[in-house]
Every structure is written in structure tokens, then in C-alpha cells.
C-alpha atoms as a PDB file:
ATOM      1  CA  LEU A   1      18.909-129.755 -55.337  1.00  0.00           C
ATOM      2  CA  ASP A   2      20.458-131.996 -57.951  1.00  0.00           C
ATOM      3  CA  LEU A   3      17.472-133.587 -59.682  1.00  0.00           C
ATOM      4  CA  PRO A   4      17.078-135.567 -62.927  1.00  0.00           C
ATOM      5  CA  ARG A   5      15.415-134.123 -66.015  1.00  0.00           C
ATOM      6  CA  PRO A   6      11.645-134.518 -65.896  1.00  0.00           C
ATOM      7  CA  ARG A   7      10.208-137.526 -67.700  1.00  0.00           C
ATOM      8  CA  LEU A   8       7.848-135.171 -69.535  1.00  0.00           C
ATOM      9  CA  PHE A   9       9.141-134.187 -72.958  1.00  0.00           C
ATOM     10  CA  GLY A  10      10.045-130.605 -73.814  1.00  0.00           C
ATOM     11  CA  ARG A  11      12.614-128.225 -72.396  1.00  0.00           C
ATOM     12  CA  HIS A  12       9.825-126.068 -70.925  1.00  0.00           C
ATOM     13  CA  GLN A  13       9.106-128.941 -68.531  1.00  0.00           C
ATOM     14  CA  ILE A  14      12.435-128.277 -66.790  1.00  0.00           C
ATOM     15  CA  GLY A  15      11.201-124.808 -65.814  1.00  0.00           C
ATOM     16  CA  ASN A  16       7.786-126.196 -64.897  1.00  0.00           C
ATOM     17  CA  ALA A  17       9.367-128.788 -62.615  1.00  0.00           C
ATOM     18  CA  GLY A  18      11.608-126.176 -60.992  1.00  0.00           C
ATOM     19  CA  THR A  19       8.592-123.964 -60.364  1.00  0.00           C
ATOM     20  CA  ALA A  20       6.700-126.862 -58.757  1.00  0.00           C
ATOM     21  CA  VAL A  21       9.623-127.698 -56.467  1.00  0.00           C
ATOM     22  CA  ALA A  22      10.102-124.036 -55.532  1.00  0.00           C
ATOM     23  CA  ALA A  23       6.364-123.644 -54.819  1.00  0.00           C
ATOM     24  CA  LEU A  24       6.338-126.676 -52.536  1.00  0.00           C
ATOM     25  CA  ARG A  25       9.402-125.441 -50.685  1.00  0.00           C
ATOM     26  CA  ALA A  26       7.981-121.913 -50.392  1.00  0.00           C
ATOM     27  CA  ALA A  27       4.753-123.361 -48.997  1.00  0.00           C
ATOM     28  CA  GLY A  28       6.732-124.907 -46.163  1.00  0.00           C
ATOM     29  CA  ALA A  29       6.949-128.435 -47.487  1.00  0.00           C
ATOM     30  CA  TRP A  30      10.534-128.741 -46.274  1.00  0.00           C
ATOM     31  CA  ALA A  31       9.852-132.260 -45.049  1.00  0.00           C
ATOM     32  CA  ILE A  32       9.660-133.441 -48.653  1.00  0.00           C
ATOM     33  CA  GLY A  33      13.026-134.994 -49.369  1.00  0.00           C
ATOM     34  CA  SER A  34      14.949-134.920 -52.626  1.00  0.00           C
ATOM     35  CA  ASP A  35      14.016-138.600 -53.180  1.00  0.00           C
ATOM     36  CA  ALA A  36      10.339-137.606 -53.412  1.00  0.00           C
ATOM     37  CA  PHE A  37      11.119-134.768 -55.805  1.00  0.00           C
ATOM     38  CA  GLU A  38      13.182-137.161 -57.926  1.00  0.00           C
ATOM     39  CA  ALA A  39      10.357-139.717 -57.967  1.00  0.00           C
ATOM     40  CA  GLY A  40       7.983-136.973 -59.088  1.00  0.00           C
ATOM     41  CA  MET A  41      10.305-135.908 -61.911  1.00  0.00           C
ATOM     42  CA  LEU A  42      10.701-139.452 -63.184  1.00  0.00           C
ATOM     43  CA  GLY A  43       7.111-140.568 -62.683  1.00  0.00           C
ATOM     44  CA  ALA A  44       5.097-137.602 -63.949  1.00  0.00           C
ATOM     45  CA  ASP A  45       2.669-138.429 -66.743  1.00  0.00           C
ATOM     46  CA  TRP A  46       0.591-135.830 -68.594  1.00  0.00           C
ATOM     47  CA  PRO A  47      -1.554-137.366 -71.329  1.00  0.00           C
ATOM     48  CA  GLY A  48      -2.144-135.139 -74.322  1.00  0.00           C
ATOM     49  CA  ARG A  49       0.917-132.970 -73.696  1.00  0.00           C
ATOM     50  CA  LEU A  50       3.795-133.736 -76.032  1.00  0.00           C
ATOM     51  CA  GLN A  51       2.718-137.360 -75.857  1.00  0.00           C
ATOM     52  CA  ARG A  52       4.085-139.785 -78.397  1.00  0.00           C
ATOM     53  CA  LEU A  53       1.461-142.329 -79.400  1.00  0.00           C
ATOM     54  CA  THR A  54       3.225-145.625 -79.995  1.00  0.00           C
ATOM     55  CA  ARG A  55       0.402-148.047 -79.217  1.00  0.00           C
ATOM     56  CA  GLY A  56      -3.306-148.095 -79.880  1.00  0.00           C
ATOM     57  CA  ARG A  57      -5.314-147.835 -83.088  1.00  0.00           C
ATOM     58  CA  LEU A  58      -4.110-144.544 -84.598  1.00  0.00           C
ATOM     59  CA  PRO A  59      -0.348-145.043 -85.069  1.00  0.00           C
ATOM     60  CA  GLY A  60      -1.118-147.849 -87.535  1.00  0.00           C
ATOM     61  CA  LEU A  61      -3.159-145.463 -89.683  1.00  0.00           C
ATOM     62  CA  ALA A  62      -0.162-143.188 -90.301  1.00  0.00           C
ATOM     63  CA  PRO A  63       2.405-143.916 -93.037  1.00  0.00           C
ATOM     64  CA  PRO A  64       4.844-146.743 -92.207  1.00  0.00           C
ATOM     65  CA  GLY A  65       7.571-145.596 -89.828  1.00  0.00           C
ATOM     66  CA  ALA A  66       5.825-142.301 -89.013  1.00  0.00           C
ATOM     67  CA  GLU A  67       5.940-140.843 -85.516  1.00  0.00           C
ATOM     68  CA  LEU A  68       2.586-139.751 -84.091  1.00  0.00           C
ATOM     69  CA  TRP A  69       2.570-137.018 -81.434  1.00  0.00           C
ATOM     70  CA  LEU A  70      -0.329-135.424 -79.569  1.00  0.00           C
ATOM     71  CA  ASP A  71      -0.588-132.117 -77.754  1.00  0.00           C
ATOM     72  CA  GLY A  72      -3.586-130.155 -76.502  1.00  0.00           C
ATOM     73  CA  GLY A  73      -1.807-126.781 -76.616  1.00  0.00           C
ATOM     74  CA  HIS A  74      -4.124-124.155 -78.072  1.00  0.00           C
ATOM     75  CA  ASN A  75      -2.751-120.648 -77.480  1.00  0.00           C
ATOM     76  CA  PRO A  76       0.313-118.768 -78.782  1.00  0.00           C
ATOM     77  CA  ASP A  77       2.457-119.562 -75.714  1.00  0.00           C
ATOM     78  CA  GLY A  78       1.511-123.240 -75.814  1.00  0.00           C
ATOM     79  CA  GLY A  79       2.271-123.250 -79.533  1.00  0.00           C
ATOM     80  CA  ARG A  80       5.687-121.734 -78.869  1.00  0.00           C
ATOM     81  CA  ALA A  81       6.585-124.433 -76.304  1.00  0.00           C
ATOM     82  CA  LEU A  82       5.235-127.141 -78.598  1.00  0.00           C
ATOM     83  CA  ALA A  83       7.123-125.837 -81.635  1.00  0.00           C
ATOM     84  CA  GLN A  84      10.321-125.728 -79.554  1.00  0.00           C
ATOM     85  CA  GLY A  85       9.800-129.378 -78.595  1.00  0.00           C
ATOM     86  CA  MET A  86       9.290-130.323 -82.245  1.00  0.00           C
ATOM     87  CA  ALA A  87      12.389-128.302 -83.223  1.00  0.00           C
ATOM     88  CA  ASP A  88      14.416-130.171 -80.605  1.00  0.00           C
ATOM     89  CA  LEU A  89      13.230-133.466 -82.094  1.00  0.00           C
ATOM     90  CA  GLU A  90      14.056-132.223 -85.600  1.00  0.00           C
ATOM     91  CA  GLU A  91      17.582-131.371 -84.490  1.00  0.00           C
ATOM     92  CA  ARG A  92      18.135-134.867 -83.052  1.00  0.00           C
ATOM     93  CA  SER A  93      16.249-136.847 -85.673  1.00  0.00           C
ATOM     94  CA  PRO A  94      15.160-134.977 -88.816  1.00  0.00           C
ATOM     95  CA  ALA A  95      11.736-135.852 -90.218  1.00  0.00           C
ATOM     96  CA  PRO A  96       9.160-133.860 -92.179  1.00  0.00           C
ATOM     97  CA  LEU A  97       6.653-132.397 -89.705  1.00  0.00           C
ATOM     98  CA  VAL A  98       2.940-132.444 -90.537  1.00  0.00           C
ATOM     99  CA  LEU A  99       0.413-130.684 -88.322  1.00  0.00           C
ATOM    100  CA  VAL A 100      -3.060-132.134 -87.951  1.00  0.00           C
ATOM    101  CA  ALA A 101      -4.809-129.193 -86.323  1.00  0.00           C
ATOM    102  CA  GLY A 102      -8.235-128.495 -84.910  1.00  0.00           C
ATOM    103  CA  LEU A 103      -8.955-125.310 -82.956  1.00  0.00           C
ATOM    104  CA  LEU A 104     -11.802-123.645 -81.146  1.00  0.00           C
ATOM    105  CA  GLY A 105     -13.202-120.373 -82.436  1.00  0.00           C
ATOM    106  CA  THR A 106     -12.429-118.784 -79.065  1.00  0.00           C
ATOM    107  CA  LYS A 107      -8.669-119.289 -79.495  1.00  0.00           C
ATOM    108  CA  ASP A 108      -6.052-117.311 -81.432  1.00  0.00           C
ATOM    109  CA  ALA A 109      -5.551-119.794 -84.266  1.00  0.00           C
ATOM    110  CA  GLU A 110      -3.139-117.565 -86.184  1.00  0.00           C
ATOM    111  CA  GLY A 111      -1.024-116.890 -83.089  1.00  0.00           C
ATOM    112  CA  PHE A 112      -0.876-120.612 -82.347  1.00  0.00           C
ATOM    113  CA  LEU A 113      -0.064-121.751 -85.896  1.00  0.00           C
ATOM    114  CA  LYS A 114       2.567-119.061 -86.617  1.00  0.00           C
ATOM    115  CA  ASN A 115       4.926-120.834 -84.229  1.00  0.00           C
ATOM    116  CA  PHE A 116       5.253-123.702 -86.718  1.00  0.00           C
ATOM    117  CA  LEU A 117       6.131-121.665 -89.824  1.00  0.00           C
ATOM    118  CA  GLY A 118       9.424-122.914 -91.246  1.00  0.00           C
ATOM    119  CA  LEU A 119       9.165-126.042 -89.108  1.00  0.00           C
ATOM    120  CA  ALA A 120       6.051-127.837 -90.374  1.00  0.00           C
ATOM    121  CA  ARG A 121       5.903-128.959 -93.975  1.00  0.00           C
ATOM    122  CA  GLU A 122       2.114-128.834 -94.173  1.00  0.00           C
ATOM    123  CA  ALA A 123      -1.047-128.599 -92.096  1.00  0.00           C
ATOM    124  CA  VAL A 124      -4.162-130.738 -92.304  1.00  0.00           C
ATOM    125  CA  ALA A 125      -7.136-129.026 -90.662  1.00  0.00           C
ATOM    126  CA  VAL A 126      -9.711-131.231 -88.945  1.00  0.00           C
ATOM    127  CA  PRO A 127     -12.971-130.577 -87.099  1.00  0.00           C
ATOM    128  CA  ILE A 128     -13.374-131.199 -83.388  1.00  0.00           C
ATOM    129  CA  ARG A 129     -16.376-133.464 -82.969  1.00  0.00           C
ATOM    130  CA  GLY A 130     -19.129-132.453 -80.599  1.00  0.00           C
ATOM    131  CA  GLN A 131     -17.762-128.981 -79.835  1.00  0.00           C
ATOM    132  CA  VAL A 132     -20.104-126.129 -80.699  1.00  0.00           C
ATOM    133  CA  ALA A 133     -17.275-123.595 -80.366  1.00  0.00           C
ATOM    134  CA  ALA A 134     -14.968-125.520 -82.729  1.00  0.00           C
ATOM    135  CA  ARG A 135     -13.802-123.755 -85.884  1.00  0.00           C
ATOM    136  CA  PRO A 136     -14.799-125.564 -89.064  1.00  0.00           C
ATOM    137  CA  ALA A 137     -11.816-127.327 -90.643  1.00  0.00           C
ATOM    138  CA  GLU A 138     -12.146-125.081 -93.709  1.00  0.00           C
ATOM    139  CA  GLU A 139     -11.714-121.987 -91.513  1.00  0.00           C
ATOM    140  CA  VAL A 140      -8.618-123.414 -89.796  1.00  0.00           C
ATOM    141  CA  ALA A 141      -7.221-124.294 -93.244  1.00  0.00           C
ATOM    142  CA  ALA A 142      -7.898-120.759 -94.528  1.00  0.00           C
ATOM    143  CA  ILE A 143      -6.063-119.231 -91.557  1.00  0.00           C
ATOM    144  CA  ALA A 144      -3.117-121.605 -92.006  1.00  0.00           C
ATOM    145  CA  ARG A 145      -2.998-120.908 -95.753  1.00  0.00           C
ATOM    146  CA  ARG A 146      -3.127-117.138 -95.172  1.00  0.00           C
ATOM    147  CA  ILE A 147      -0.033-117.262 -92.962  1.00  0.00           C
ATOM    148  CA  GLY A 148       1.931-119.438 -95.375  1.00  0.00           C
ATOM    149  CA  PHE A 149       1.162-123.122 -94.868  1.00  0.00           C
ATOM    150  CA  THR A 150       0.402-125.680 -97.531  1.00  0.00           C
ATOM    151  CA  THR A 151      -2.956-126.832 -96.219  1.00  0.00           C
ATOM    152  CA  THR A 152      -5.681-129.409 -96.771  1.00  0.00           C
ATOM    153  CA  THR A 153      -8.698-130.491 -94.757  1.00  0.00           C
ATOM    154  CA  ALA A 154      -9.905-133.882 -93.591  1.00  0.00           C
ATOM    155  CA  PRO A 155     -13.170-134.907 -91.932  1.00  0.00           C
ATOM    156  CA  SER A 156     -11.362-136.566 -88.987  1.00  0.00           C
ATOM    157  CA  VAL A 157      -7.950-137.286 -87.536  1.00  0.00           C
ATOM    158  CA  GLU A 158      -8.231-140.820 -88.891  1.00  0.00           C
ATOM    159  CA  ALA A 159      -8.883-139.479 -92.399  1.00  0.00           C
ATOM    160  CA  ALA A 160      -6.005-137.001 -92.031  1.00  0.00           C
ATOM    161  CA  LEU A 161      -3.614-139.827 -91.151  1.00  0.00           C
ATOM    162  CA  ALA A 162      -4.884-141.919 -94.065  1.00  0.00           C
ATOM    163  CA  SER A 163      -4.401-138.981 -96.453  1.00  0.00           C
ATOM    164  CA  LEU A 164      -0.702-138.867 -95.617  1.00  0.00           C
ATOM    165  CA  HIS A 165      -0.266-142.165 -97.478  1.00  0.00           C
ATOM    166  CA  GLU A 166      -0.824-140.219-100.728  1.00  0.00           C
ATOM    167  CA  THR A 167       2.504-138.389-100.329  1.00  0.00           C
ATOM    168  CA  ILE A 168       5.833-139.941-101.231  1.00  0.00           C
ATOM    169  CA  TRP A 169       7.990-139.124 -98.207  1.00  0.00           C
ATOM    170  CA  GLU A 170      11.779-138.840 -98.396  1.00  0.00           C
ATOM    171  CA  ARG A 171      11.707-140.217 -94.831  1.00  0.00           C
ATOM    172  CA  PRO A 172       8.745-141.160 -92.640  1.00  0.00           C
ATOM    173  CA  PRO A 173       6.966-138.062 -91.338  1.00  0.00           C
ATOM    174  CA  ARG A 174       6.528-136.818 -87.796  1.00  0.00           C
ATOM    175  CA  VAL A 175       2.810-136.089 -87.361  1.00  0.00           C
ATOM    176  CA  LEU A 176       1.651-133.734 -84.629  1.00  0.00           C
ATOM    177  CA  VAL A 177      -2.062-133.634 -83.755  1.00  0.00           C
ATOM    178  CA  CYS A 178      -2.596-130.339 -81.948  1.00  0.00           C
ATOM    179  CA  GLY A 179      -4.654-127.232 -81.280  1.00  0.00           C
ATOM    180  CA  SER A 180      -7.188-128.243 -78.633  1.00  0.00           C
ATOM    181  CA  LEU A 181      -7.521-130.211 -75.429  1.00  0.00           C
ATOM    182  CA  TYR A 182     -10.907-131.375 -76.733  1.00  0.00           C
ATOM    183  CA  LEU A 183      -9.180-132.715 -79.840  1.00  0.00           C
ATOM    184  CA  ALA A 184      -6.537-134.396 -77.664  1.00  0.00           C
ATOM    185  CA  GLY A 185      -9.279-136.144 -75.672  1.00  0.00           C
ATOM    186  CA  GLU A 186     -11.004-137.194 -78.888  1.00  0.00           C
ATOM    187  CA  VAL A 187      -7.724-138.652 -80.188  1.00  0.00           C
ATOM    188  CA  LEU A 188      -6.977-140.558 -76.976  1.00  0.00           C
ATOM    189  CA  ALA A 189     -10.497-142.017 -77.042  1.00  0.00           C
ATOM    190  CA  ALA A 190     -10.233-142.986 -80.716  1.00  0.00           C
ATOM    191  CA  ASN A 191      -6.829-144.502 -80.054  1.00  0.00           C
ATOM    192  CA  GLY A 192      -8.133-146.554 -77.117  1.00  0.00           C
ATOM    193  CA  THR A 193      -5.604-145.005 -74.747  1.00  0.00           C
ATOM    194  CA  LEU A 194      -7.666-142.704 -72.506  1.00  0.00           C
ATOM    195  CA  PRO A 195      -5.984-142.353 -69.090  1.00  0.00           C
ATOM    196  CA  GLN A 196      -7.502-144.416 -66.293  1.00  0.00           C
END
């Protein structure tokens, strides 16, 4: 089949789309025509997965001209795919990358964060509200610092974005909020862009 690139951002989505098509065909869904597969590729929407936030309340809290990205990836493999997506963006349009990260205590925080070494300029650790299993921001910051990041903490994503105004940027930063699907949901709610 000759299909378009998926609408979803990230080169890993090409493999994901191919797997979905192959699974449908293997399951006997031969009646699905290439037009339907193409519509699926171009219409897929996955909030909180390499999602650029361009509208809502939060983009305006970041420094002028900054890009704000959101991803709920939370394990080493998800971190690897996410870091590759950010590296692809860096190659096309260089910008200093800042992580705003919140992680659960049940996840491999070091394995996740290591993927961004040499790519992210700094990390701002934030808590995940209402999650008993969430790591305190200070613990996330200590892990990030131990593996080589310049790190600070903030009491919320909003405060983390506001703190970025204190830096003089050579070009507007690319900010990636990441580390937890719970955090991604919190961000979409705070932004006023929860999916319907």
C-alpha cells in the first residue's frame, strides 16, 4: 500500500501505523480499502502524545515565541521515542529544549530522563497533583541532577513556565512537559483543551 505519513508527530508513528494496518489485514479485514487506511493516517488524533499546544491558557505563560509540547510518555522506551521526536525538531528548527517533568514513583525516572541528555538544556521538576504515587518534585530533580541535568523545581507546570521568563534565551525555547499520563491530563485540563 502507498499511504501518506501519519498525521501524528514522530517517526515512531510510521511503524505504529504500519503495525495497525498489518494487524487489520491479518485479522481478515481485507474489505477495508486503501482510502480508509489513508483517512485513518490523516485523521488520527492522540492528545497528550507529542502534542503541540498552540491554543489555550498555558502557551501564553511560556516565554514569547516559545513552543509548548506535551507528552505522557513515562518509561525508557517512551522517552527514547520522545527524545527522537525532539531531536528531529531540533534538526529542522533549532531551539533550546527545556523539560518540565513529573513522574510517578513506580516508573524508571532515570531510564526515562537519560534519553534527553545532550538534547535538553535543563529540566524543571514538578509535582503531579492528586497522585499518591507521584514522586515529589525534589526527588525528580535529584535524579535529573545526578545524571547530569541542570535542574530546578516548581510547584506547578504554570509556575515552571513562568520561571522560564527569568532566563535570557538566545532564541525562544522549546518546552516539553513530560513524564506521566496523569501530568498530561492535568496539563490539558489546566489549558482548557481536554479532548471531548
